[in-house]
Amino acid sequence: MSARRGWALGCVVLLACWLLAAATAQANLRVRGNQLVDGPGAGHAVQLRGVNRSGLEYACIQGNGFFENPHPYQLDTPAMIAAMKSWDINAVRVPLNEDCWLGLHTRRGLGGAPYRRIVQRYVATLHRAGLYVILDLHWAAPGSMTSLNIIRMPDADHAPAFWRSVAATFKHDHELIFDLYNEPHDIGWSCWLRGCRIPANREYGPKPAYRAAGMQQLVDAVRSTGARQPLMLGGLSWSLDLSGWVTHVPHDPDHQLLASEHNYGGLAPCMSGCQAAILATHRHYPVVIGELGETDCAHGYLDAMLPFADAHRISYLGWAWDAGQYWTCRGGPSLIENYAGVPTGFGVGFRDHLLALGVPFRP
């Protein structure tokens, strides 16, 4: 072998090793036992500590753009995302609207392909900032109704199609989690798992009867695309109640399910029974507190709830990283006064707790 050929072969080998190392180092967020892990091999345990960025679930359907504040048609600026990161977070939960993603009942330019593009761009932007992302089906509606609020369970008419489309779009993104439905409520565990007929009701105004999709149908919809991301499943009573979660958990061929729980001091606090259900679930599956907040402009509730979560390595995301006319520490509740990251009365407790913990691990 000539020296030149040997040098060339050596370069090829080095390049192959570099590419292999780069591929191995890519994020692969996944469930292992009752923990989220990331990284090569067995992975390193990851606790998600982050915020919710509201807007994409409602501005599009109300005709106000994609994000209501402060720039309806634009992504968050690098300075805004840097302000988020200054709180030492590693994850952002992004609520979505079923109709906007599918292009139903929306103003021209706000639904369908334009909406899907801006969601994709926002996810990529957050990833470049070193953040995991949770995509959440937040607002949905059956039939010809418009997705204007949180119905009891996602509709069988559109929700499976929504998840097949979202999962196919992001199937190669392994820094991502899918939250299958924001806050199931006023149903039982059987309906939660298998779906059921939701009777006509007057919640948020008159609602016709409709067929709800169960969590099993939504898991199947995601997995039918080949997507293998972890899936978050909120419990009953606006995701406050996990008491029947383990005994009704859907079948997932990839074994990548997490329980999602929501609680708010002053509105829906998680007291001893709720905490016991969280810990009982966490013995078998990872638990993420997908929404955590306080509605009294103080942080006494968080001062107790956050150490509870940390002690058991339970993930949590504060609600919400939004500011503006309707976003206050009581009326959101909002973590921030403005997009420079100045905290509200309850946000200061959340921020100071995160800063005291330091930057969370990220491979």
Protein backbone atom coordinates (compact mmCIF):
# COMPACT_ATOMS: atom_id res chain seq x y z
CA MET A 1 0.00 0.00 0.00
CA SER A 2 1.37 3.41 -0.94
CA ALA A 3 1.76 6.14 1.65
CA ARG A 4 -0.84 8.20 -0.22
CA ARG A 5 -3.36 5.33 -0.23
CA GLY A 6 -2.66 4.64 3.45
CA TRP A 7 -3.21 8.29 4.31
CA ALA A 8 -6.48 8.34 2.36
CA LEU A 9 -7.70 5.15 4.04
CA GLY A 10 -6.80 6.59 7.42
CA CYS A 11 -8.84 9.70 6.65
CA VAL A 12 -11.82 7.57 5.67
CA VAL A 13 -11.59 5.57 8.89
CA LEU A 14 -11.30 8.75 10.98
CA LEU A 15 -14.29 10.27 9.18
CA ALA A 16 -16.35 7.14 9.74
CA CYS A 17 -15.45 7.17 13.43
CA TRP A 18 -16.35 10.85 13.69
CA LEU A 19 -19.71 10.30 12.01
CA LEU A 20 -20.43 7.34 14.29
CA ALA A 21 -19.53 9.38 17.35
CA ALA A 22 -21.71 12.24 16.15
CA ALA A 23 -24.64 9.92 15.52
CA THR A 24 -24.17 8.27 18.92
CA ALA A 25 -24.12 11.68 20.60
CA GLN A 26 -27.44 12.72 19.07
CA ALA A 27 -30.31 13.11 21.49
CA ASN A 28 -32.44 10.05 22.09
CA LEU A 29 -34.91 11.00 24.80
CA ARG A 30 -36.71 7.87 25.92
CA VAL A 31 -38.34 6.02 28.81
CA ARG A 32 -36.32 3.55 30.82
CA GLY A 33 -38.18 2.10 33.78
CA ASN A 34 -39.72 5.01 35.68
CA GLN A 35 -37.28 7.61 34.35
CA LEU A 36 -36.67 9.61 31.23
CA VAL A 37 -33.14 9.11 29.94
CA ASP A 38 -31.03 10.54 27.14
CA GLY A 39 -27.66 9.76 25.63
CA PRO A 40 -25.93 6.61 24.36
CA GLY A 41 -26.07 3.18 25.95
CA ALA A 42 -28.26 2.98 29.02
CA GLY A 43 -28.57 6.76 28.95
CA HIS A 44 -28.42 9.35 31.68
CA ALA A 45 -31.52 10.14 33.77
CA VAL A 46 -33.16 13.42 32.75
CA GLN A 47 -35.49 15.56 34.86
CA LEU A 48 -37.43 18.01 32.71
CA ARG A 49 -37.60 21.44 34.34
CA GLY A 50 -39.28 23.94 32.08
CA VAL A 51 -42.13 26.23 31.12
CA ASN A 52 -45.24 26.26 28.94
CA ARG A 53 -45.30 28.75 26.05
CA SER A 54 -48.99 29.33 25.37
CA GLY A 55 -50.35 30.91 22.18
CA LEU A 56 -50.31 28.42 19.34
CA GLU A 57 -53.42 26.74 20.75
CA TYR A 58 -55.69 29.79 20.54
CA ALA A 59 -54.34 32.76 18.54
CA CYS A 60 -54.65 30.94 15.21
CA ILE A 61 -58.26 29.91 15.74
CA GLN A 62 -59.23 33.39 16.97
CA GLY A 63 -57.66 34.96 13.87
CA ASN A 64 -54.98 36.84 15.81
CA GLY A 65 -51.90 35.25 14.25
CA PHE A 66 -49.88 32.34 15.61
CA PHE A 67 -48.63 33.81 18.89
CA GLU A 68 -50.82 36.47 20.47
CA ASN A 69 -47.92 38.24 22.15
CA PRO A 70 -45.78 40.13 21.35
CA HIS A 71 -45.43 39.36 17.61
CA PRO A 72 -48.44 37.48 16.23
CA TYR A 73 -46.87 36.18 13.03
CA GLN A 74 -43.25 35.70 14.09
CA LEU A 75 -41.29 33.22 16.15
CA ASP A 76 -39.91 34.18 19.53
CA THR A 77 -36.70 36.16 19.05
CA PRO A 78 -33.29 34.89 20.19
CA ALA A 79 -33.46 37.40 23.05
CA MET A 80 -36.83 36.02 24.19
CA ILE A 81 -35.55 32.45 24.14
CA ALA A 82 -32.38 33.54 25.94
CA ALA A 83 -34.63 35.01 28.65
CA MET A 84 -36.34 31.62 29.02
CA LYS A 85 -32.96 29.92 29.24
CA SER A 86 -31.80 32.40 31.88
CA TRP A 87 -34.16 30.62 34.29
CA ASP A 88 -32.10 27.40 33.89
CA ILE A 89 -34.80 25.43 32.06
CA ASN A 90 -34.25 22.49 29.71
CA ALA A 91 -37.75 22.03 28.23
CA VAL A 92 -40.68 23.94 26.74
CA ARG A 93 -44.22 22.60 26.38
CA VAL A 94 -46.00 23.96 23.31
CA PRO A 95 -49.83 23.66 23.24
CA LEU A 96 -51.38 23.12 19.80
CA ASN A 97 -54.81 23.46 18.20
CA GLU A 98 -56.28 20.51 16.31
CA ASP A 99 -58.14 22.63 13.74
CA CYS A 100 -55.17 24.89 13.05
CA TRP A 101 -52.86 21.95 12.40
CA LEU A 102 -55.38 20.19 10.14
CA GLY A 103 -56.49 23.38 8.39
CA LEU A 104 -60.09 23.35 9.63
CA HIS A 105 -62.18 26.42 10.49
CA THR A 106 -59.25 28.82 10.30
CA ARG A 107 -58.61 32.08 8.50
CA ARG A 108 -56.50 31.88 5.36
CA GLY A 109 -52.81 31.81 6.21
CA LEU A 110 -53.33 30.68 9.81
CA GLY A 111 -54.31 27.03 9.39
CA GLY A 112 -52.95 23.99 7.61
CA ALA A 113 -49.52 24.28 5.97
CA PRO A 114 -48.63 27.77 7.35
CA TYR A 115 -49.46 26.68 10.89
CA ARG A 116 -47.56 23.41 10.52
CA ARG A 117 -44.52 25.25 9.16
CA ILE A 118 -44.36 27.69 12.05
CA VAL A 119 -44.71 24.86 14.58
CA GLN A 120 -41.84 23.03 12.87
CA ARG A 121 -39.71 26.18 12.83
CA TYR A 122 -40.45 26.87 16.49
CA VAL A 123 -39.52 23.34 17.54
CA ALA A 124 -36.26 23.58 15.58
CA THR A 125 -35.51 26.98 17.13
CA LEU A 126 -36.05 25.67 20.66
CA HIS A 127 -33.87 22.64 19.94
CA ARG A 128 -31.05 24.87 18.70
CA ALA A 129 -31.24 26.62 22.07
CA GLY A 130 -30.66 23.25 23.77
CA LEU A 131 -34.26 22.67 24.84
CA TYR A 132 -36.42 19.57 24.76
CA VAL A 133 -39.93 20.19 23.43
CA ILE A 134 -43.33 18.73 24.37
CA LEU A 135 -46.08 19.08 21.75
CA ASP A 136 -49.52 19.02 23.36
CA LEU A 137 -52.99 18.61 21.84
CA HIS A 138 -54.63 21.38 23.85
CA TRP A 139 -57.83 22.46 22.04
CA ALA A 140 -59.99 20.12 19.97
CA ALA A 141 -63.58 19.84 18.72
CA PRO A 142 -65.76 17.22 17.00
CA GLY A 143 -67.44 17.35 13.62
CA SER A 144 -68.05 20.82 12.21
CA MET A 145 -67.45 22.56 15.54
CA THR A 146 -64.46 24.86 15.95
CA SER A 147 -61.64 24.04 18.40
CA LEU A 148 -62.17 26.88 20.86
CA ASN A 149 -61.61 25.24 24.22
CA ILE A 150 -60.70 22.11 26.20
CA ILE A 151 -63.38 19.48 25.57
CA ARG A 152 -63.80 16.48 27.89
CA MET A 153 -61.82 14.07 25.71
CA PRO A 154 -60.37 14.51 22.21
CA ASP A 155 -62.81 13.79 19.41
CA ALA A 156 -62.64 10.63 17.32
CA ASP A 157 -63.45 12.74 14.24
CA HIS A 158 -60.13 14.59 14.08
CA ALA A 159 -57.76 13.76 16.97
CA PRO A 160 -56.38 10.48 15.53
CA ALA A 161 -55.73 12.24 12.20
CA PHE A 162 -54.06 15.11 14.09
CA TRP A 163 -51.68 12.72 15.82
CA ARG A 164 -50.92 10.70 12.71
CA SER A 165 -49.94 13.95 10.97
CA VAL A 166 -47.93 15.39 13.89
CA ALA A 167 -46.15 12.08 14.49
CA ALA A 168 -45.28 11.64 10.81
CA THR A 169 -43.93 15.21 10.71
CA PHE A 170 -41.66 14.78 13.74
CA LYS A 171 -40.95 11.04 13.72
CA HIS A 172 -37.18 11.58 13.37
CA ASP A 173 -36.97 14.18 16.17
CA HIS A 174 -35.71 12.46 19.31
CA GLU A 175 -35.63 15.56 21.49
CA LEU A 176 -39.42 15.57 21.53
CA ILE A 177 -42.36 14.23 23.57
CA PHE A 178 -45.99 14.06 22.45
CA ASP A 179 -48.64 14.99 25.07
CA LEU A 180 -51.70 13.20 23.69
CA TYR A 181 -54.39 15.33 25.34
CA ASN A 182 -54.09 18.25 27.66
CA GLU A 183 -56.76 17.80 30.34
CA PRO A 184 -59.34 14.98 30.24
CA HIS A 185 -62.26 15.78 32.54
CA ASP A 186 -65.81 14.76 33.48
CA ILE A 187 -65.29 11.19 32.24
CA GLY A 188 -64.33 7.83 33.78
CA TRP A 189 -61.23 5.72 33.32
CA SER A 190 -62.90 3.36 30.86
CA CYS A 191 -63.70 6.27 28.55
CA TRP A 192 -60.19 7.61 29.08
CA LEU A 193 -58.71 4.35 27.82
CA ARG A 194 -61.16 3.15 25.16
CA GLY A 195 -63.19 6.21 24.22
CA CYS A 196 -66.91 6.67 24.66
CA ARG A 197 -69.89 8.75 23.62
CA ILE A 198 -69.77 12.13 25.34
CA PRO A 199 -73.31 13.39 25.98
CA ALA A 200 -74.48 16.83 24.96
CA ASN A 201 -73.53 19.40 27.60
CA ARG A 202 -73.25 23.14 28.20
CA GLU A 203 -69.58 23.34 29.12
CA TYR A 204 -68.13 26.51 27.53
CA GLY A 205 -71.55 26.96 25.90
CA PRO A 206 -73.82 24.36 24.24
CA LYS A 207 -71.98 21.26 23.06
CA PRO A 208 -73.51 18.41 21.01
CA ALA A 209 -72.92 14.77 21.81
CA TYR A 210 -69.86 13.28 20.12
CA ARG A 211 -67.65 10.23 20.03
CA ALA A 212 -64.42 10.62 21.99
CA ALA A 213 -61.16 8.93 21.09
CA GLY A 214 -59.57 7.01 23.94
CA MET A 215 -55.90 7.08 24.83
CA GLN A 216 -55.38 3.66 23.24
CA GLN A 217 -56.63 4.99 19.90
CA LEU A 218 -54.26 7.96 20.13
CA VAL A 219 -51.27 5.79 21.06
CA ASP A 220 -52.09 3.57 18.08
CA ALA A 221 -52.37 6.61 15.79
CA VAL A 222 -48.86 7.79 16.71
CA ARG A 223 -47.28 4.36 16.49
CA SER A 224 -48.91 3.65 13.11
CA THR A 225 -46.51 6.22 11.60
CA GLY A 226 -43.38 4.53 12.95
CA ALA A 227 -42.81 7.38 15.42
CA ARG A 228 -41.25 6.11 18.66
CA GLN A 229 -41.19 9.23 20.83
CA PRO A 230 -42.27 9.11 24.50
CA LEU A 231 -45.99 9.81 24.94
CA MET A 232 -47.48 11.77 27.86
CA LEU A 233 -51.01 10.86 28.99
CA GLY A 234 -52.85 13.23 31.33
CA GLY A 235 -55.08 11.77 34.05
CA LEU A 236 -58.68 12.58 34.96
CA SER A 237 -60.15 15.74 36.54
CA TRP A 238 -58.24 18.15 34.31
CA SER A 239 -55.16 15.88 34.65
CA LEU A 240 -55.09 16.35 38.43
CA ASP A 241 -56.04 12.71 39.22
CA LEU A 242 -53.66 9.82 38.48
CA SER A 243 -55.35 7.34 40.82
CA GLY A 244 -56.41 4.93 38.03
CA TRP A 245 -53.63 5.63 35.57
CA VAL A 246 -51.52 2.51 36.11
CA THR A 247 -54.49 0.12 36.05
CA HIS A 248 -55.83 1.62 32.81
CA VAL A 249 -52.61 2.33 30.94
CA PRO A 250 -52.85 1.67 27.18
CA HIS A 251 -50.70 -0.87 25.41
CA ASP A 252 -47.66 0.70 23.77
CA PRO A 253 -45.49 -1.67 21.72
CA ASP A 254 -42.53 0.66 22.31
CA HIS A 255 -43.07 0.93 26.09
CA GLN A 256 -42.60 4.71 26.00
CA LEU A 257 -45.46 6.05 28.12
CA LEU A 258 -45.37 8.77 30.79
CA ALA A 259 -48.08 9.99 33.12
CA SER A 260 -48.92 13.70 32.95
CA GLU A 261 -50.35 15.54 35.97
CA HIS A 262 -51.49 19.17 36.34
CA ASN A 263 -51.92 21.10 39.57
CA TYR A 264 -52.34 24.72 40.64
CA GLY A 265 -52.22 26.22 44.10
CA GLY A 266 -55.49 28.05 44.82
CA LEU A 267 -57.29 26.41 41.88
CA ALA A 268 -56.55 22.67 41.82
CA PRO A 269 -53.92 21.91 44.48
CA CYS A 270 -52.25 18.52 44.72
CA MET A 271 -52.68 17.53 48.35
CA SER A 272 -51.86 14.28 50.17
CA GLY A 273 -54.13 11.96 48.15
CA CYS A 274 -53.00 13.47 44.88
CA GLN A 275 -49.35 13.22 45.86
CA ALA A 276 -49.84 9.59 46.90
CA ALA A 277 -51.31 8.83 43.46
CA ILE A 278 -48.35 10.53 41.79
CA LEU A 279 -45.88 8.44 43.78
CA ALA A 280 -47.85 5.21 43.17
CA THR A 281 -47.73 5.91 39.43
CA HIS A 282 -44.09 6.95 39.56
CA ARG A 283 -43.12 3.56 40.96
CA HIS A 284 -43.85 2.15 37.50
CA TYR A 285 -43.75 5.04 35.01
CA PRO A 286 -42.15 8.47 34.69
CA VAL A 287 -44.40 11.32 35.85
CA VAL A 288 -44.32 14.81 34.39
CA ILE A 289 -46.22 17.67 36.02
CA GLY A 290 -47.09 19.19 32.67
CA GLU A 291 -48.64 22.31 34.19
CA LEU A 292 -47.73 23.74 37.57
CA GLY A 293 -48.74 27.14 38.86
CA GLU A 294 -50.25 29.27 41.58
CA THR A 295 -53.15 31.72 41.33
CA ASP A 296 -52.59 34.03 44.33
CA CYS A 297 -49.57 35.97 43.00
CA ALA A 298 -47.44 34.36 45.70
CA HIS A 299 -45.35 31.20 45.76
CA GLY A 300 -46.10 29.48 49.06
CA TYR A 301 -47.71 26.53 47.24
CA LEU A 302 -44.77 26.15 44.87
CA ASP A 303 -42.34 26.36 47.76
CA ALA A 304 -43.79 23.04 48.96
CA MET A 305 -44.65 21.37 45.64
CA LEU A 306 -41.33 21.87 43.87
CA PRO A 307 -39.17 20.19 46.56
CA PHE A 308 -41.65 17.27 46.55
CA ALA A 309 -41.12 16.83 42.81
CA ASP A 310 -37.33 17.19 43.05
CA ALA A 311 -37.08 14.66 45.88
CA HIS A 312 -38.58 12.01 43.58
CA ARG A 313 -37.01 13.24 40.32
CA ILE A 314 -40.42 14.09 38.92
CA SER A 315 -40.35 16.49 35.97
CA TYR A 316 -42.35 19.74 35.93
CA LEU A 317 -43.19 22.70 33.70
CA GLY A 318 -44.52 26.01 34.98
CA TRP A 319 -47.61 27.61 33.43
CA ALA A 320 -47.07 29.91 31.61
CA TRP A 321 -44.31 31.88 29.88
CA ASP A 322 -46.68 34.56 28.54
CA ALA A 323 -47.22 38.25 29.19
CA GLY A 324 -49.71 40.85 28.03
CA GLN A 325 -53.17 42.24 28.68
CA TYR A 326 -54.80 39.01 29.82
CA TRP A 327 -51.72 37.31 31.24
CA THR A 328 -51.31 38.13 34.92
CA CYS A 329 -50.21 36.17 37.96
CA ARG A 330 -53.90 35.48 38.65
CA GLY A 331 -55.34 35.55 35.15
CA GLY A 332 -53.00 33.10 33.43
CA PRO A 333 -51.42 32.39 35.68
CA SER A 334 -48.35 33.92 34.09
CA LEU A 335 -44.80 33.38 35.24
CA ILE A 336 -43.55 36.63 33.72
CA GLU A 337 -44.32 40.34 33.58
CA ASN A 338 -42.64 40.70 30.18
CA TYR A 339 -40.64 38.70 27.67
CA ALA A 340 -37.34 39.82 29.15
CA GLY A 341 -38.15 37.27 31.85
CA VAL A 342 -39.05 39.61 34.74
CA PRO A 343 -41.05 37.30 37.05
CA THR A 344 -44.53 37.81 38.48
CA GLY A 345 -45.27 37.33 42.17
CA PHE A 346 -45.53 33.58 41.77
CA GLY A 347 -43.00 33.38 38.94
CA VAL A 348 -40.25 34.64 41.22
CA GLY A 349 -40.65 31.54 43.39
CA PHE A 350 -40.45 29.27 40.35
CA ARG A 351 -37.44 31.11 38.90
CA ASP A 352 -35.48 31.22 42.16
CA HIS A 353 -36.08 27.52 42.76
CA LEU A 354 -34.74 26.64 39.30
CA LEU A 355 -31.71 28.89 39.67
CA ALA A 356 -30.89 27.34 43.02
CA LEU A 357 -30.85 23.90 41.41
CA GLY A 358 -28.59 25.02 38.57
CA VAL A 359 -28.65 24.08 34.90
CA PRO A 360 -30.32 20.65 34.50
CA PHE A 361 -28.39 17.83 32.86
CA ARG A 362 -28.53 17.66 29.09
CA PRO A 363 -26.30 15.30 27.05
